[in-house]
N, C-alpha and C. Protein backbone atom coordinates (compact mmCIF):
# COMPACT_ATOMS: atom_id res chain seq x y z
N MET A 1 26.98 36.11 36.82
CA MET A 1 27.07 34.65 36.26
C MET A 1 25.79 33.97 35.88
N LYS A 2 25.30 33.99 37.33
CA LYS A 2 23.72 32.97 36.50
C LYS A 2 22.93 33.98 36.06
N LYS A 3 23.01 35.34 35.82
CA LYS A 3 22.02 36.48 35.41
C LYS A 3 22.55 35.91 33.90
N SER A 4 23.97 36.15 33.44
CA SER A 4 24.30 35.90 32.07
C SER A 4 23.55 34.65 31.42
N ILE A 5 23.87 33.30 32.18
CA ILE A 5 23.54 32.18 31.62
C ILE A 5 22.03 32.55 31.61
N ASN A 6 21.27 33.03 32.11
CA ASN A 6 19.85 33.24 32.37
C ASN A 6 19.70 33.66 30.69
N SER A 7 20.21 34.57 30.61
CA SER A 7 20.06 35.79 29.74
C SER A 7 20.26 35.05 27.93
N ILE A 8 21.47 34.30 28.36
CA ILE A 8 21.87 33.43 26.99
C ILE A 8 20.86 32.49 26.56
N LEU A 9 20.13 31.88 27.53
CA LEU A 9 18.97 30.62 27.42
C LEU A 9 17.88 31.26 27.62
N ARG A 10 17.75 32.31 27.42
CA ARG A 10 16.29 32.86 27.00
C ARG A 10 16.15 33.91 25.81
N GLY A 11 17.48 34.07 25.36
CA GLY A 11 17.55 34.49 24.12
C GLY A 11 17.90 36.07 24.16
N LYS A 12 17.69 36.73 25.22
CA LYS A 12 18.18 38.04 24.92
C LYS A 12 19.24 38.46 24.23
N ILE A 13 20.15 37.88 24.35
CA ILE A 13 21.64 38.15 23.51
C ILE A 13 21.74 38.32 21.98
N LEU A 14 20.07 38.03 21.58
CA LEU A 14 20.11 37.87 20.29
C LEU A 14 19.16 39.06 19.98
N ILE A 15 18.45 39.60 20.95
CA ILE A 15 17.86 40.85 20.68
C ILE A 15 17.64 41.86 21.16
N SER A 16 18.86 41.95 22.01
CA SER A 16 19.08 43.18 22.59
C SER A 16 19.94 44.27 21.70
N ASP A 17 20.15 45.68 22.22
CA ASP A 17 20.60 46.80 21.16
C ASP A 17 21.86 46.38 20.63
N ASP A 18 22.98 45.51 21.12
CA ASP A 18 24.32 45.46 20.50
C ASP A 18 24.29 44.24 20.10
N SER A 19 22.98 43.53 19.73
CA SER A 19 22.82 42.01 19.42
C SER A 19 23.41 41.85 17.44
N PHE A 20 23.78 42.77 16.91
CA PHE A 20 24.37 42.75 15.53
C PHE A 20 25.69 41.95 15.51
N LYS A 21 26.58 42.40 16.43
CA LYS A 21 27.60 41.95 16.21
C LYS A 21 27.67 40.10 16.84
N ASN A 22 26.98 39.87 17.59
CA ASN A 22 26.26 38.56 17.95
C ASN A 22 25.70 37.86 17.04
N TRP A 23 25.10 38.36 16.16
CA TRP A 23 24.49 37.75 14.77
C TRP A 23 25.63 37.56 13.71
N ARG A 24 26.20 38.12 13.81
CA ARG A 24 27.51 37.97 12.73
C ARG A 24 28.15 36.86 13.29
N LEU A 25 28.62 37.05 14.55
CA LEU A 25 29.51 35.95 15.24
C LEU A 25 28.81 34.38 14.88
N ILE A 26 27.16 34.52 15.61
CA ILE A 26 26.64 33.09 14.88
C ILE A 26 26.57 32.90 13.55
N LEU A 27 26.24 33.55 12.59
CA LEU A 27 26.11 33.25 11.19
C LEU A 27 27.46 32.86 10.89
N PHE A 28 28.63 33.51 11.24
CA PHE A 28 29.98 33.09 10.85
C PHE A 28 30.31 31.75 11.86
N LEU A 29 30.03 31.01 12.54
CA LEU A 29 30.15 29.78 13.23
C LEU A 29 29.38 28.92 12.53
N SER A 30 28.25 29.10 12.43
CA SER A 30 26.89 28.33 11.17
C SER A 30 28.08 27.99 9.95
N PHE A 31 28.29 28.90 9.41
CA PHE A 31 29.03 29.14 7.99
C PHE A 31 30.06 27.79 8.34
N LEU A 32 31.03 28.10 9.00
CA LEU A 32 32.18 27.63 8.94
C LEU A 32 31.67 25.94 9.67
N ALA A 33 30.89 25.51 10.42
CA ALA A 33 30.07 24.31 10.67
C ALA A 33 29.77 23.84 9.38
N VAL A 34 28.87 24.29 8.32
CA VAL A 34 28.38 24.05 7.42
C VAL A 34 29.44 23.81 6.25
N ILE A 35 30.80 24.31 6.55
CA ILE A 35 32.07 24.07 5.69
C ILE A 35 32.45 22.76 6.29
N MET A 36 32.81 22.72 7.64
CA MET A 36 33.49 21.58 7.99
C MET A 36 32.61 20.23 7.91
N ILE A 37 31.03 20.18 7.69
CA ILE A 37 30.35 19.04 7.77
C ILE A 37 30.56 18.77 6.20
N ALA A 38 30.70 19.54 5.30
CA ALA A 38 30.86 19.19 3.92
C ALA A 38 31.95 18.60 3.61
N SER A 39 33.16 19.31 3.99
CA SER A 39 34.20 18.64 3.97
C SER A 39 34.45 16.85 4.53
N SER A 40 33.85 17.05 5.46
CA SER A 40 33.59 15.59 6.25
C SER A 40 33.06 14.66 5.40
N HIS A 41 31.93 14.89 4.61
CA HIS A 41 31.37 13.97 3.67
C HIS A 41 32.07 13.83 2.39
N SER A 42 32.76 14.59 1.76
CA SER A 42 34.02 14.80 0.60
C SER A 42 34.69 13.93 0.82
N ALA A 43 35.73 13.50 2.44
CA ALA A 43 36.52 12.89 2.86
C ALA A 43 35.72 11.26 3.18
N ASP A 44 35.17 11.22 3.42
CA ASP A 44 33.96 9.93 3.62
C ASP A 44 33.81 9.42 1.94
N ARG A 45 33.59 10.39 1.07
CA ARG A 45 33.36 9.80 -0.33
C ARG A 45 34.64 9.63 -0.55
N LYS A 46 35.73 9.95 -0.72
CA LYS A 46 36.89 9.64 -1.26
C LYS A 46 37.26 8.03 -0.63
N VAL A 47 37.16 8.27 0.70
CA VAL A 47 37.29 7.08 1.66
C VAL A 47 36.79 5.84 0.68
N TYR A 48 35.46 5.75 0.80
CA TYR A 48 34.48 4.77 0.10
C TYR A 48 35.32 4.33 -1.79
N LYS A 49 35.63 5.26 -2.25
CA LYS A 49 36.39 5.48 -3.49
C LYS A 49 37.68 4.68 -3.55
N ILE A 50 38.25 5.08 -2.71
CA ILE A 50 39.73 4.08 -2.47
C ILE A 50 39.60 2.85 -1.86
N ALA A 51 38.45 2.55 -1.30
CA ALA A 51 38.41 1.48 -1.00
C ALA A 51 37.90 0.05 -2.29
N LYS A 52 37.16 0.89 -2.92
CA LYS A 52 36.10 0.48 -4.10
C LYS A 52 37.62 0.01 -5.12
N LEU A 53 38.11 0.93 -5.18
CA LEU A 53 39.28 0.97 -6.19
C LEU A 53 40.62 0.02 -5.56
N ASN A 54 40.62 -0.28 -4.84
CA ASN A 54 41.50 -1.11 -3.99
C ASN A 54 40.80 -2.87 -4.05
N GLU A 55 39.83 -2.90 -4.29
CA GLU A 55 38.79 -3.93 -4.26
C GLU A 55 39.31 -4.34 -6.04
N ASP A 56 38.67 -3.29 -6.64
CA ASP A 56 39.01 -3.60 -8.05
C ASP A 56 40.56 -3.90 -8.47
N VAL A 57 41.44 -3.34 -7.92
CA VAL A 57 42.91 -3.70 -8.20
C VAL A 57 43.04 -5.19 -7.89
N LYS A 58 42.64 -5.84 -6.58
CA LYS A 58 42.68 -7.23 -6.30
C LYS A 58 42.15 -8.01 -7.00
N GLU A 59 40.93 -7.55 -7.54
CA GLU A 59 40.06 -8.40 -8.62
C GLU A 59 40.96 -8.62 -9.92
N LEU A 60 41.51 -7.07 -10.45
CA LEU A 60 42.03 -7.53 -11.78
C LEU A 60 43.70 -8.12 -11.35
N ARG A 61 44.07 -8.28 -10.46
CA ARG A 61 45.74 -8.74 -10.03
C ARG A 61 45.41 -10.47 -10.13
N SER A 62 44.47 -10.72 -9.46
CA SER A 62 43.69 -12.14 -9.59
C SER A 62 43.52 -12.47 -10.66
N ALA A 63 42.74 -12.19 -11.64
CA ALA A 63 42.32 -12.58 -13.16
C ALA A 63 43.49 -12.20 -13.99
N PHE A 64 44.50 -11.33 -13.50
CA PHE A 64 45.81 -11.24 -14.36
C PHE A 64 46.65 -13.00 -14.19
N VAL A 65 46.94 -13.06 -12.65
CA VAL A 65 47.69 -14.21 -11.96
C VAL A 65 47.00 -15.48 -13.04
N GLU A 66 45.62 -15.78 -13.07
CA GLU A 66 44.93 -16.60 -13.40
C GLU A 66 45.39 -17.02 -15.04
N GLY A 67 45.24 -15.69 -15.56
CA GLY A 67 45.36 -15.85 -17.10
C GLY A 67 47.01 -16.04 -17.27
N ARG A 68 47.86 -15.67 -16.46
CA ARG A 68 49.35 -15.77 -16.54
C ARG A 68 49.28 -17.35 -16.49
N SER A 69 49.07 -18.24 -15.62
CA SER A 69 49.12 -19.46 -15.17
C SER A 69 48.56 -20.40 -16.26
N LYS A 70 47.19 -19.81 -16.99
CA LYS A 70 47.15 -20.35 -18.03
C LYS A 70 47.65 -20.57 -19.25
N LEU A 71 48.08 -19.23 -19.62
CA LEU A 71 49.21 -19.11 -20.47
C LEU A 71 50.26 -20.24 -20.45
N MET A 72 50.63 -20.21 -19.03
CA MET A 72 51.76 -20.94 -19.16
C MET A 72 51.67 -22.52 -19.54
N LYS A 73 50.61 -22.98 -18.77
CA LYS A 73 50.14 -24.52 -18.94
C LYS A 73 49.95 -24.51 -20.55
N LEU A 74 49.37 -23.61 -21.43
CA LEU A 74 49.23 -23.91 -22.44
C LEU A 74 50.92 -24.02 -23.41
N LYS A 75 51.72 -22.96 -22.53
CA LYS A 75 52.72 -22.84 -23.59
C LYS A 75 53.50 -24.15 -23.56
N MET A 76 53.45 -24.57 -22.59
CA MET A 76 54.09 -25.80 -21.89
C MET A 76 54.33 -26.81 -23.08
N GLU A 77 55.74 -27.26 -23.31
CA GLU A 77 55.94 -28.63 -24.60
C GLU A 77 54.85 -29.60 -24.57
N SER A 78 54.64 -30.27 -23.68
CA SER A 78 53.51 -31.31 -23.54
C SER A 78 52.15 -31.22 -24.02
N SER A 79 51.18 -29.81 -23.66
CA SER A 79 50.39 -29.29 -23.94
C SER A 79 50.16 -29.13 -25.56
N VAL A 80 51.57 -28.61 -25.82
CA VAL A 80 51.32 -28.29 -27.16
C VAL A 80 51.58 -29.48 -28.12
N ILE A 81 52.16 -30.31 -27.59
CA ILE A 81 52.35 -31.81 -28.34
C ILE A 81 50.88 -32.62 -28.11
N LYS A 82 50.32 -32.47 -27.35
CA LYS A 82 48.49 -33.01 -27.19
C LYS A 82 47.95 -32.12 -28.17
N LYS A 83 47.93 -30.88 -28.14
CA LYS A 83 47.20 -30.09 -29.13
C LYS A 83 47.80 -30.39 -30.63
N LEU A 84 48.62 -30.79 -30.94
CA LEU A 84 49.05 -30.86 -32.62
C LEU A 84 48.94 -32.11 -32.33
N ALA A 85 48.98 -33.35 -32.01
CA ALA A 85 48.40 -34.69 -32.12
C ALA A 85 47.36 -35.04 -32.55
N ASP A 86 46.29 -34.17 -32.02
CA ASP A 86 44.82 -34.17 -32.72
C ASP A 86 44.77 -33.95 -34.10
N LYS A 87 45.79 -32.87 -34.73
CA LYS A 87 45.62 -32.72 -35.89
C LYS A 87 46.52 -33.34 -36.77
N GLY A 88 47.35 -34.33 -36.44
CA GLY A 88 48.42 -35.60 -36.90
C GLY A 88 49.71 -34.72 -36.82
N LEU A 89 49.99 -33.89 -36.33
CA LEU A 89 51.40 -33.46 -35.95
C LEU A 89 52.21 -34.08 -35.34
N SER A 90 53.16 -34.40 -35.56
CA SER A 90 54.19 -35.06 -34.16
C SER A 90 55.69 -34.11 -34.01
N PRO A 91 56.35 -34.14 -33.02
CA PRO A 91 57.36 -33.73 -32.74
C PRO A 91 58.45 -34.29 -33.95
N SER A 92 59.59 -33.61 -34.14
CA SER A 92 60.56 -34.23 -34.87
C SER A 92 61.40 -35.16 -34.40
N GLU A 93 61.79 -36.04 -34.86
CA GLU A 93 62.99 -37.11 -34.41
C GLU A 93 64.29 -36.37 -34.63
N ILE A 94 64.43 -35.79 -35.55
CA ILE A 94 65.96 -35.24 -35.97
C ILE A 94 65.64 -34.04 -35.23
N PRO A 95 67.19 -33.79 -34.62
CA PRO A 95 67.32 -32.28 -34.24
C PRO A 95 67.41 -31.26 -35.15
N PRO A 96 66.88 -30.13 -34.98
CA PRO A 96 67.37 -29.05 -35.89
C PRO A 96 68.50 -28.54 -36.32
N LYS A 97 69.20 -28.28 -37.65
CA LYS A 97 70.46 -27.81 -37.65
C LYS A 97 70.79 -26.50 -37.56
N LYS A 98 71.97 -25.72 -37.61
CA LYS A 98 72.02 -24.59 -37.45
C LYS A 98 72.38 -24.05 -38.98
N ILE A 99 71.73 -23.00 -39.50
CA ILE A 99 72.43 -22.07 -40.86
C ILE A 99 73.04 -21.06 -40.48
N LYS A 100 74.14 -20.80 -41.05
CA LYS A 100 74.97 -19.58 -41.11
C LYS A 100 75.30 -19.16 -42.39
N VAL A 101 74.84 -17.80 -42.17
CA VAL A 101 75.06 -17.27 -43.34
C VAL A 101 76.08 -16.40 -43.28
N LYS A 102 77.20 -16.31 -44.42
CA LYS A 102 78.35 -15.44 -44.39
C LYS A 102 78.19 -14.12 -45.36
N SER A 103 78.34 -13.06 -44.61
CA SER A 103 78.03 -11.90 -45.33
C SER A 103 78.97 -11.54 -46.65
N GLN A 104 78.57 -11.11 -47.66
CA GLN A 104 78.99 -10.90 -48.96
C GLN A 104 79.58 -9.66 -49.06
N ASN A 105 80.08 -9.27 -47.91
CA ASN A 105 81.02 -7.60 -47.87
C ASN A 105 81.98 -7.81 -48.64
């Protein structure tokens, strides 16, 4: 046991006669490690992108709500009357009448 650990630490496993299969295993494990690191970085990039998109959605939603509330205030009858009073228009005192059209069939 002590001899095998000593030979691994000294690097004899890489230069012995049957070291080709050891090198293949080491290269395969190195390749898998590179793929795992690349996958991790890709996942991190996606997480950051999702967080940024969520912030953008919140910002756009608040802008939408703000715009909708401004529109509701502008559509109110009192604000329309105030805006038209500057131009000299006022609401009618006489209520509107319904016009009924009979078909001529």
